Amino acid sequence: RETIAKSVVLEAVRAAHAQGRPCLLFAFSGASDLAELRLTPAARRGASRRRRDAGGGGAGGSMDRRSLTRLLDFLACGFGGGTDVA
């Protein structure tokens, strides 16, 4: 289940990135175990027009190394249950 959930998250991030939209991710396991990550396209963070145009990867331009590292760290997290979702 966790692999499928992470695959869905990765596709949501890919789709948001391709559309140049921010993506807000949440992972939770119980009331006190919550992780969140906000990814904003480089174009929205004030990247130069020339960099956006050369970046490829759709309308969102390229994802910077820091954002990609944060995403991979987020996806590497695991939770030990505590939810009632079946």
PDB file of N, CA and C in Angstrom:
ATOM      1  N   ARG A   1       0.821  -1.204   0.000  1.00  0.00           N
ATOM      2  CA  ARG A   1       0.000   0.000   0.000  1.00  0.00           C
ATOM      3  C   ARG A   1       0.860   1.262   0.000  1.00  0.00           C
ATOM      4  N   GLU A   2       1.933   1.225   0.771  1.00  0.00           N
ATOM      5  CA  GLU A   2       2.776   2.416   0.867  1.00  0.00           C
ATOM      6  C   GLU A   2       3.406   2.755  -0.488  1.00  0.00           C
ATOM      7  N   THR A   3       3.827   1.740  -1.216  1.00  0.00           N
ATOM      8  CA  THR A   3       4.431   1.969  -2.536  1.00  0.00           C
ATOM      9  C   THR A   3       3.425   2.583  -3.494  1.00  0.00           C
ATOM     10  N   ILE A   4       2.197   2.102  -3.447  1.00  0.00           N
ATOM     11  CA  ILE A   4       1.150   2.664  -4.310  1.00  0.00           C
ATOM     12  C   ILE A   4       0.873   4.108  -3.924  1.00  0.00           C
ATOM     13  N   ALA A   5       0.775   4.379  -2.631  1.00  0.00           N
ATOM     14  CA  ALA A   5       0.515   5.750  -2.172  1.00  0.00           C
ATOM     15  C   ALA A   5       1.633   6.695  -2.615  1.00  0.00           C
ATOM     16  N   LYS A   6       2.876   6.252  -2.492  1.00  0.00           N
ATOM     17  CA  LYS A   6       3.999   7.095  -2.894  1.00  0.00           C
ATOM     18  C   LYS A   6       4.032   7.296  -4.403  1.00  0.00           C
ATOM     19  N   SER A   7       3.591   6.297  -5.159  1.00  0.00           N
ATOM     20  CA  SER A   7       3.497   6.445  -6.617  1.00  0.00           C
ATOM     21  C   SER A   7       2.453   7.496  -6.992  1.00  0.00           C
ATOM     22  N   VAL A   8       1.337   7.497  -6.281  1.00  0.00           N
ATOM     23  CA  VAL A   8       0.288   8.497  -6.517  1.00  0.00           C
ATOM     24  C   VAL A   8       0.813   9.894  -6.191  1.00  0.00           C
ATOM     25  N   VAL A   9       1.551  10.015  -5.092  1.00  0.00           N
ATOM     26  CA  VAL A   9       2.136  11.305  -4.716  1.00  0.00           C
ATOM     27  C   VAL A   9       3.102  11.781  -5.800  1.00  0.00           C
ATOM     28  N   LEU A  10       3.953  10.896  -6.275  1.00  0.00           N
ATOM     29  CA  LEU A  10       4.914  11.262  -7.308  1.00  0.00           C
ATOM     30  C   LEU A  10       4.213  11.732  -8.583  1.00  0.00           C
ATOM     31  N   GLU A  11       3.124  11.084  -8.954  1.00  0.00           N
ATOM     32  CA  GLU A  11       2.369  11.504 -10.131  1.00  0.00           C
ATOM     33  C   GLU A  11       1.705  12.865  -9.909  1.00  0.00           C
ATOM     34  N   ALA A  12       1.201  13.106  -8.698  1.00  0.00           N
ATOM     35  CA  ALA A  12       0.604  14.408  -8.396  1.00  0.00           C
ATOM     36  C   ALA A  12       1.647  15.517  -8.494  1.00  0.00           C
ATOM     37  N   VAL A  13       2.839  15.255  -7.982  1.00  0.00           N
ATOM     38  CA  VAL A  13       3.924  16.241  -8.064  1.00  0.00           C
ATOM     39  C   VAL A  13       4.309  16.471  -9.521  1.00  0.00           C
ATOM     40  N   ARG A  14       4.409  15.388 -10.299  1.00  0.00           N
ATOM     41  CA  ARG A  14       4.769  15.506 -11.710  1.00  0.00           C
ATOM     42  C   ARG A  14       3.735  16.338 -12.466  1.00  0.00           C
ATOM     43  N   ALA A  15       2.458  16.072 -12.232  1.00  0.00           N
ATOM     44  CA  ALA A  15       1.398  16.812 -12.908  1.00  0.00           C
ATOM     45  C   ALA A  15       1.407  18.285 -12.512  1.00  0.00           C
ATOM     46  N   ALA A  16       1.566  18.577 -11.232  1.00  0.00           N
ATOM     47  CA  ALA A  16       1.620  19.971 -10.770  1.00  0.00           C
ATOM     48  C   ALA A  16       2.818  20.685 -11.385  1.00  0.00           C
ATOM     49  N   HIS A  17       3.954  20.009 -11.411  1.00  0.00           N
ATOM     50  CA  HIS A  17       5.174  20.592 -11.975  1.00  0.00           C
ATOM     51  C   HIS A  17       4.995  20.891 -13.463  1.00  0.00           C
ATOM     52  N   ALA A  18       4.400  19.953 -14.199  1.00  0.00           N
ATOM     53  CA  ALA A  18       4.185  20.137 -15.639  1.00  0.00           C
ATOM     54  C   ALA A  18       3.266  21.325 -15.927  1.00  0.00           C
ATOM     55  N   GLN A  19       2.364  21.625 -14.990  1.00  0.00           N
ATOM     56  CA  GLN A  19       1.426  22.732 -15.153  1.00  0.00           C
ATOM     57  C   GLN A  19       1.931  24.022 -14.517  1.00  0.00           C
ATOM     58  N   GLY A  20       3.115  23.975 -13.927  1.00  0.00           N
ATOM     59  CA  GLY A  20       3.670  25.173 -13.281  1.00  0.00           C
ATOM     60  C   GLY A  20       2.928  25.557 -12.018  1.00  0.00           C
ATOM     61  N   ARG A  21       2.362  24.567 -11.327  1.00  0.00           N
ATOM     62  CA  ARG A  21       1.570  24.826 -10.130  1.00  0.00           C
ATOM     63  C   ARG A  21       2.290  24.339  -8.888  1.00  0.00           C
ATOM     64  N   PRO A  22       2.054  24.972  -7.749  1.00  0.00           N
ATOM     65  CA  PRO A  22       2.632  24.464  -6.502  1.00  0.00           C
ATOM     66  C   PRO A  22       1.944  23.165  -6.093  1.00  0.00           C
ATOM     67  N   CYS A  23       2.588  22.397  -5.240  1.00  0.00           N
ATOM     68  CA  CYS A  23       2.024  21.141  -4.754  1.00  0.00           C
ATOM     69  C   CYS A  23       2.281  21.059  -3.251  1.00  0.00           C
ATOM     70  N   LEU A  24       1.243  20.806  -2.496  1.00  0.00           N
ATOM     71  CA  LEU A  24       1.333  20.684  -1.041  1.00  0.00           C
ATOM     72  C   LEU A  24       1.044  19.233  -0.673  1.00  0.00           C
ATOM     73  N   LEU A  25       2.003  18.588  -0.020  1.00  0.00           N
ATOM     74  CA  LEU A  25       1.883  17.176   0.323  1.00  0.00           C
ATOM     75  C   LEU A  25       1.766  17.009   1.832  1.00  0.00           C
ATOM     76  N   PHE A  26       0.939  16.056   2.244  1.00  0.00           N
ATOM     77  CA  PHE A  26       0.787  15.706   3.655  1.00  0.00           C
ATOM     78  C   PHE A  26       0.947  14.203   3.806  1.00  0.00           C
ATOM     79  N   ALA A  27       1.639  13.789   4.841  1.00  0.00           N
ATOM     80  CA  ALA A  27       1.706  12.384   5.226  1.00  0.00           C
ATOM     81  C   ALA A  27       1.392  12.336   6.718  1.00  0.00           C
ATOM     82  N   PHE A  28       0.554  11.399   7.105  1.00  0.00           N
ATOM     83  CA  PHE A  28       0.152  11.361   8.506  1.00  0.00           C
ATOM     84  C   PHE A  28      -0.034   9.931   8.982  1.00  0.00           C
ATOM     85  N   SER A  29       0.114   9.778  10.280  1.00  0.00           N
ATOM     86  CA  SER A  29      -0.128   8.511  10.950  1.00  0.00           C
ATOM     87  C   SER A  29      -0.492   8.839  12.388  1.00  0.00           C
ATOM     88  N   GLY A  30      -1.736   9.039  12.625  1.00  0.00           N
ATOM     89  CA  GLY A  30      -2.182   9.425  13.958  1.00  0.00           C
ATOM     90  C   GLY A  30      -2.165  10.931  14.143  1.00  0.00           C
ATOM     91  N   ALA A  31      -2.688  11.363  15.267  1.00  0.00           N
ATOM     92  CA  ALA A  31      -2.865  12.795  15.527  1.00  0.00           C
ATOM     93  C   ALA A  31      -1.550  13.552  15.678  1.00  0.00           C
ATOM     94  N   SER A  32      -0.520  12.904  16.203  1.00  0.00           N
ATOM     95  CA  SER A  32       0.715  13.630  16.486  1.00  0.00           C
ATOM     96  C   SER A  32       1.819  13.391  15.456  1.00  0.00           C
ATOM     97  N   ASP A  33       1.566  12.606  14.438  1.00  0.00           N
ATOM     98  CA  ASP A  33       2.580  12.274  13.448  1.00  0.00           C
ATOM     99  C   ASP A  33       2.162  12.820  12.089  1.00  0.00           C
ATOM    100  N   LEU A  34       2.630  14.018  11.780  1.00  0.00           N
ATOM    101  CA  LEU A  34       2.258  14.687  10.534  1.00  0.00           C
ATOM    102  C   LEU A  34       3.502  15.290   9.892  1.00  0.00           C
ATOM    103  N   ALA A  35       3.640  15.058   8.607  1.00  0.00           N
ATOM    104  CA  ALA A  35       4.721  15.676   7.838  1.00  0.00           C
ATOM    105  C   ALA A  35       4.081  16.402   6.667  1.00  0.00           C
ATOM    106  N   GLU A  36       4.591  17.584   6.355  1.00  0.00           N
ATOM    107  CA  GLU A  36       4.071  18.304   5.195  1.00  0.00           C
ATOM    108  C   GLU A  36       5.222  18.883   4.397  1.00  0.00           C
ATOM    109  N   LEU A  37       4.985  19.009   3.106  1.00  0.00           N
ATOM    110  CA  LEU A  37       5.994  19.527   2.184  1.00  0.00           C
ATOM    111  C   LEU A  37       5.297  20.374   1.136  1.00  0.00           C
ATOM    112  N   ARG A  38       5.789  21.590   0.930  1.00  0.00           N
ATOM    113  CA  ARG A  38       5.251  22.484  -0.094  1.00  0.00           C
ATOM    114  C   ARG A  38       6.321  22.668  -1.156  1.00  0.00           C
ATOM    115  N   LEU A  39       5.980  22.295  -2.378  1.00  0.00           N
ATOM    116  CA  LEU A  39       6.879  22.460  -3.514  1.00  0.00           C
ATOM    117  C   LEU A  39       6.317  23.540  -4.427  1.00  0.00           C
ATOM    118  N   THR A  40       7.137  24.528  -4.734  1.00  0.00           N
ATOM    119  CA  THR A  40       6.733  25.645  -5.581  1.00  0.00           C
ATOM    120  C   THR A  40       7.603  25.653  -6.825  1.00  0.00           C
ATOM    121  N   PRO A  41       7.004  25.770  -8.006  1.00  0.00           N
ATOM    122  CA  PRO A  41       7.802  25.799  -9.234  1.00  0.00           C
ATOM    123  C   PRO A  41       8.826  26.929  -9.216  1.00  0.00           C
ATOM    124  N   ALA A  42       9.965  26.698  -9.857  1.00  0.00           N
ATOM    125  CA  ALA A  42      11.038  27.698  -9.912  1.00  0.00           C
ATOM    126  C   ALA A  42      10.529  29.014 -10.477  1.00  0.00           C
ATOM    127  N   ALA A  43       9.627  28.960 -11.446  1.00  0.00           N
ATOM    128  CA  ALA A  43       9.101  30.180 -12.062  1.00  0.00           C
ATOM    129  C   ALA A  43       8.389  31.056 -11.044  1.00  0.00           C
ATOM    130  N   ARG A  44       7.753  30.445 -10.057  1.00  0.00           N
ATOM    131  CA  ARG A  44       7.044  31.219  -9.038  1.00  0.00           C
ATOM    132  C   ARG A  44       7.973  31.747  -7.962  1.00  0.00           C
ATOM    133  N   ARG A  45       9.179  31.189  -7.891  1.00  0.00           N
ATOM    134  CA  ARG A  45      10.133  31.654  -6.891  1.00  0.00           C
ATOM    135  C   ARG A  45      10.994  32.790  -7.428  1.00  0.00           C
ATOM    136  N   GLY A  46      10.681  33.289  -8.626  1.00  0.00           N
ATOM    137  CA  GLY A  46      11.393  34.447  -9.142  1.00  0.00           C
ATOM    138  C   GLY A  46      12.564  34.101 -10.039  1.00  0.00           C
ATOM    139  N   ALA A  47      12.561  32.910 -10.629  1.00  0.00           N
ATOM    140  CA  ALA A  47      13.631  32.566 -11.564  1.00  0.00           C
ATOM    141  C   ALA A  47      13.558  33.493 -12.771  1.00  0.00           C
ATOM    142  N   SER A  48      14.691  33.705 -13.382  1.00  0.00           N
ATOM    143  CA  SER A  48      14.717  34.588 -14.545  1.00  0.00           C
ATOM    144  C   SER A  48      13.963  33.969 -15.706  1.00  0.00           C
ATOM    145  N   ARG A  49      13.463  34.789 -16.608  1.00  0.00           N
ATOM    146  CA  ARG A  49      12.730  34.305 -17.771  1.00  0.00           C
ATOM    147  C   ARG A  49      13.609  33.408 -18.631  1.00  0.00           C
ATOM    148  N   ARG A  50      14.868  33.775 -18.779  1.00  0.00           N
ATOM    149  CA  ARG A  50      15.768  32.989 -19.607  1.00  0.00           C
ATOM    150  C   ARG A  50      15.929  31.575 -19.023  1.00  0.00           C
ATOM    151  N   ARG A  51      16.051  31.478 -17.709  1.00  0.00           N
ATOM    152  CA  ARG A  51      16.186  30.174 -17.078  1.00  0.00           C
ATOM    153  C   ARG A  51      14.921  29.339 -17.255  1.00  0.00           C
ATOM    154  N   ARG A  52      13.745  29.971 -17.117  1.00  0.00           N
ATOM    155  CA  ARG A  52      12.483  29.255 -17.305  1.00  0.00           C
ATOM    156  C   ARG A  52      12.383  28.735 -18.722  1.00  0.00           C
ATOM    157  N   ASP A  53      12.727  29.574 -19.695  1.00  0.00           N
ATOM    158  CA  ASP A  53      12.605  29.170 -21.087  1.00  0.00           C
ATOM    159  C   ASP A  53      13.556  28.036 -21.431  1.00  0.00           C
ATOM    160  N   ALA A  54      14.717  28.003 -20.821  1.00  0.00           N
ATOM    161  CA  ALA A  54      15.709  26.975 -21.121  1.00  0.00           C
ATOM    162  C   ALA A  54      15.507  25.728 -20.272  1.00  0.00           C
ATOM    163  N   GLY A  55      14.657  25.810 -19.252  1.00  0.00           N
ATOM    164  CA  GLY A  55      14.547  24.730 -18.282  1.00  0.00           C
ATOM    165  C   GLY A  55      13.900  23.474 -18.778  1.00  0.00           C
ATOM    166  N   GLY A  56      13.056  23.533 -19.782  1.00  0.00           N
ATOM    167  CA  GLY A  56      12.360  22.339 -20.233  1.00  0.00           C
ATOM    168  C   GLY A  56      11.392  21.861 -19.167  1.00  0.00           C
ATOM    169  N   GLY A  57      10.889  20.642 -19.341  1.00  0.00           N
ATOM    170  CA  GLY A  57      10.016  20.056 -18.325  1.00  0.00           C
ATOM    171  C   GLY A  57       8.641  20.680 -18.250  1.00  0.00           C
ATOM    172  N   GLY A  58       8.127  21.239 -19.325  1.00  0.00           N
ATOM    173  CA  GLY A  58       6.778  21.777 -19.321  1.00  0.00           C
ATOM    174  C   GLY A  58       6.731  23.208 -18.839  1.00  0.00           C
ATOM    175  N   ALA A  59       5.520  23.661 -18.528  1.00  0.00           N
ATOM    176  CA  ALA A  59       5.296  25.056 -18.157  1.00  0.00           C
ATOM    177  C   ALA A  59       5.989  25.427 -16.859  1.00  0.00           C
ATOM    178  N   GLY A  60       6.288  24.442 -16.014  1.00  0.00           N
ATOM    179  CA  GLY A  60       6.870  24.721 -14.714  1.00  0.00           C
ATOM    180  C   GLY A  60       8.367  24.951 -14.731  1.00  0.00           C
ATOM    181  N   GLY A  61       9.024  24.737 -15.868  1.00  0.00           N
ATOM    182  CA  GLY A  61      10.475  24.860 -15.902  1.00  0.00           C
ATOM    183  C   GLY A  61      11.103  23.678 -15.202  1.00  0.00           C
ATOM    184  N   SER A  62      12.335  23.829 -14.753  1.00  0.00           N
ATOM    185  CA  SER A  62      13.016  22.710 -14.119  1.00  0.00           C
ATOM    186  C   SER A  62      12.839  22.769 -12.606  1.00  0.00           C
ATOM    187  N   MET A  63      12.849  21.595 -11.976  1.00  0.00           N
ATOM    188  CA  MET A  63      12.787  21.531 -10.519  1.00  0.00           C
ATOM    189  C   MET A  63      14.217  21.662 -10.011  1.00  0.00           C
ATOM    190  N   ASP A  64      14.442  22.540  -9.058  1.00  0.00           N
ATOM    191  CA  ASP A  64      15.805  22.720  -8.568  1.00  0.00           C
ATOM    192  C   ASP A  64      16.225  21.552  -7.674  1.00  0.00           C
ATOM    193  N   ARG A  65      17.516  21.442  -7.462  1.00  0.00           N
ATOM    194  CA  ARG A  65      18.089  20.317  -6.706  1.00  0.00           C
ATOM    195  C   ARG A  65      17.552  20.259  -5.279  1.00  0.00           C
ATOM    196  N   ARG A  66      17.394  21.413  -4.653  1.00  0.00           N
ATOM    197  CA  ARG A  66      16.898  21.443  -3.265  1.00  0.00           C
ATOM    198  C   ARG A  66      15.477  20.889  -3.177  1.00  0.00           C
ATOM    199  N   SER A  67      14.613  21.293  -4.105  1.00  0.00           N
ATOM    200  CA  SER A  67      13.232  20.792  -4.107  1.00  0.00           C
ATOM    201  C   SER A  67      13.190  19.294  -4.361  1.00  0.00           C
ATOM    202  N   LEU A  68      14.007  18.817  -5.285  1.00  0.00           N
ATOM    203  CA  LEU A  68      14.045  17.396  -5.584  1.00  0.00           C
ATOM    204  C   LEU A  68      14.546  16.603  -4.375  1.00  0.00           C
ATOM    205  N   THR A  69      15.555  17.105  -3.696  1.00  0.00           N
ATOM    206  CA  THR A  69      16.078  16.450  -2.490  1.00  0.00           C
ATOM    207  C   THR A  69      15.009  16.403  -1.406  1.00  0.00           C
ATOM    208  N   ARG A  70      14.299  17.511  -1.214  1.00  0.00           N
ATOM    209  CA  ARG A  70      13.227  17.548  -0.214  1.00  0.00           C
ATOM    210  C   ARG A  70      12.129  16.543  -0.551  1.00  0.00           C
ATOM    211  N   LEU A  71      11.770  16.439  -1.842  1.00  0.00           N
ATOM    212  CA  LEU A  71      10.746  15.483  -2.269  1.00  0.00           C
ATOM    213  C   LEU A  71      11.203  14.053  -1.994  1.00  0.00           C
ATOM    214  N   LEU A  72      12.433  13.721  -2.349  1.00  0.00           N
ATOM    215  CA  LEU A  72      12.940  12.366  -2.129  1.00  0.00           C
ATOM    216  C   LEU A  72      13.017  12.034  -0.641  1.00  0.00           C
ATOM    217  N   ASP A  73      13.416  12.999   0.184  1.00  0.00           N
ATOM    218  CA  ASP A  73      13.432  12.791   1.640  1.00  0.00           C
ATOM    219  C   ASP A  73      12.020  12.536   2.163  1.00  0.00           C
ATOM    220  N   PHE A  74      11.063  13.294   1.652  1.00  0.00           N
ATOM    221  CA  PHE A  74       9.664  13.145   2.058  1.00  0.00           C
ATOM    222  C   PHE A  74       9.152  11.752   1.685  1.00  0.00           C
ATOM    223  N   LEU A  75       9.444  11.315   0.477  1.00  0.00           N
ATOM    224  CA  LEU A  75       8.971  10.015   0.020  1.00  0.00           C
ATOM    225  C   LEU A  75       9.685   8.861   0.724  1.00  0.00           C
ATOM    226  N   ALA A  76      10.855   9.112   1.285  1.00  0.00           N
ATOM    227  CA  ALA A  76      11.597   8.070   1.998  1.00  0.00           C
ATOM    228  C   ALA A  76      11.032   7.816   3.397  1.00  0.00           C
ATOM    229  N   CYS A  77      10.199   8.733   3.887  1.00  0.00           N
ATOM    230  CA  CYS A  77       9.613   8.570   5.222  1.00  0.00           C
ATOM    231  C   CYS A  77       8.647   7.392   5.223  1.00  0.00           C
ATOM    232  N   GLY A  78       8.556   6.762   6.357  1.00  0.00           N
ATOM    233  CA  GLY A  78       7.581   5.704   6.555  1.00  0.00           C
ATOM    234  C   GLY A  78       6.845   5.971   7.861  1.00  0.00           C
ATOM    235  N   PHE A  79       5.631   5.501   7.940  1.00  0.00           N
ATOM    236  CA  PHE A  79       4.827   5.685   9.146  1.00  0.00           C
ATOM    237  C   PHE A  79       4.392   4.319   9.656  1.00  0.00           C
ATOM    238  N   GLY A  80       4.302   4.205  10.960  1.00  0.00           N
ATOM    239  CA  GLY A  80       3.991   2.913  11.574  1.00  0.00           C
ATOM    240  C   GLY A  80       2.540   2.706  11.914  1.00  0.00           C
ATOM    241  N   GLY A  81       1.647   3.141  11.096  1.00  0.00           N
ATOM    242  CA  GLY A  81       0.230   2.907  11.359  1.00  0.00           C
ATOM    243  C   GLY A  81      -0.389   3.989  12.217  1.00  0.00           C
ATOM    244  N   GLY A  82      -1.560   3.693  12.775  1.00  0.00           N
ATOM    245  CA  GLY A  82      -2.241   4.647  13.621  1.00  0.00           C
ATOM    246  C   GLY A  82      -3.433   5.290  12.951  1.00  0.00           C
ATOM    247  N   THR A  83      -3.658   4.987  11.670  1.00  0.00           N
ATOM    248  CA  THR A  83      -4.832   5.516  10.988  1.00  0.00           C
ATOM    249  C   THR A  83      -5.910   4.443  10.922  1.00  0.00           C
ATOM    250  N   ASP A  84      -7.127   4.859  10.677  1.00  0.00           N
ATOM    251  CA  ASP A  84      -8.244   3.913  10.588  1.00  0.00           C
ATOM    252  C   ASP A  84      -8.628   3.625   9.152  1.00  0.00           C
ATOM    253  N   VAL A  85      -7.806   4.021   8.202  1.00  0.00           N
ATOM    254  CA  VAL A  85      -8.123   3.802   6.792  1.00  0.00           C
ATOM    255  C   VAL A  85      -7.850   2.345   6.459  1.00  0.00           C
ATOM    256  N   ALA A  86      -8.834   1.690   5.851  1.00  0.00           N
ATOM    257  CA  ALA A  86      -8.666   0.256   5.509  1.00  0.00           C
ATOM    258  C   ALA A  86      -8.344   0.092   4.045  1.00  0.00           C
TER     259      ALA A  86
END
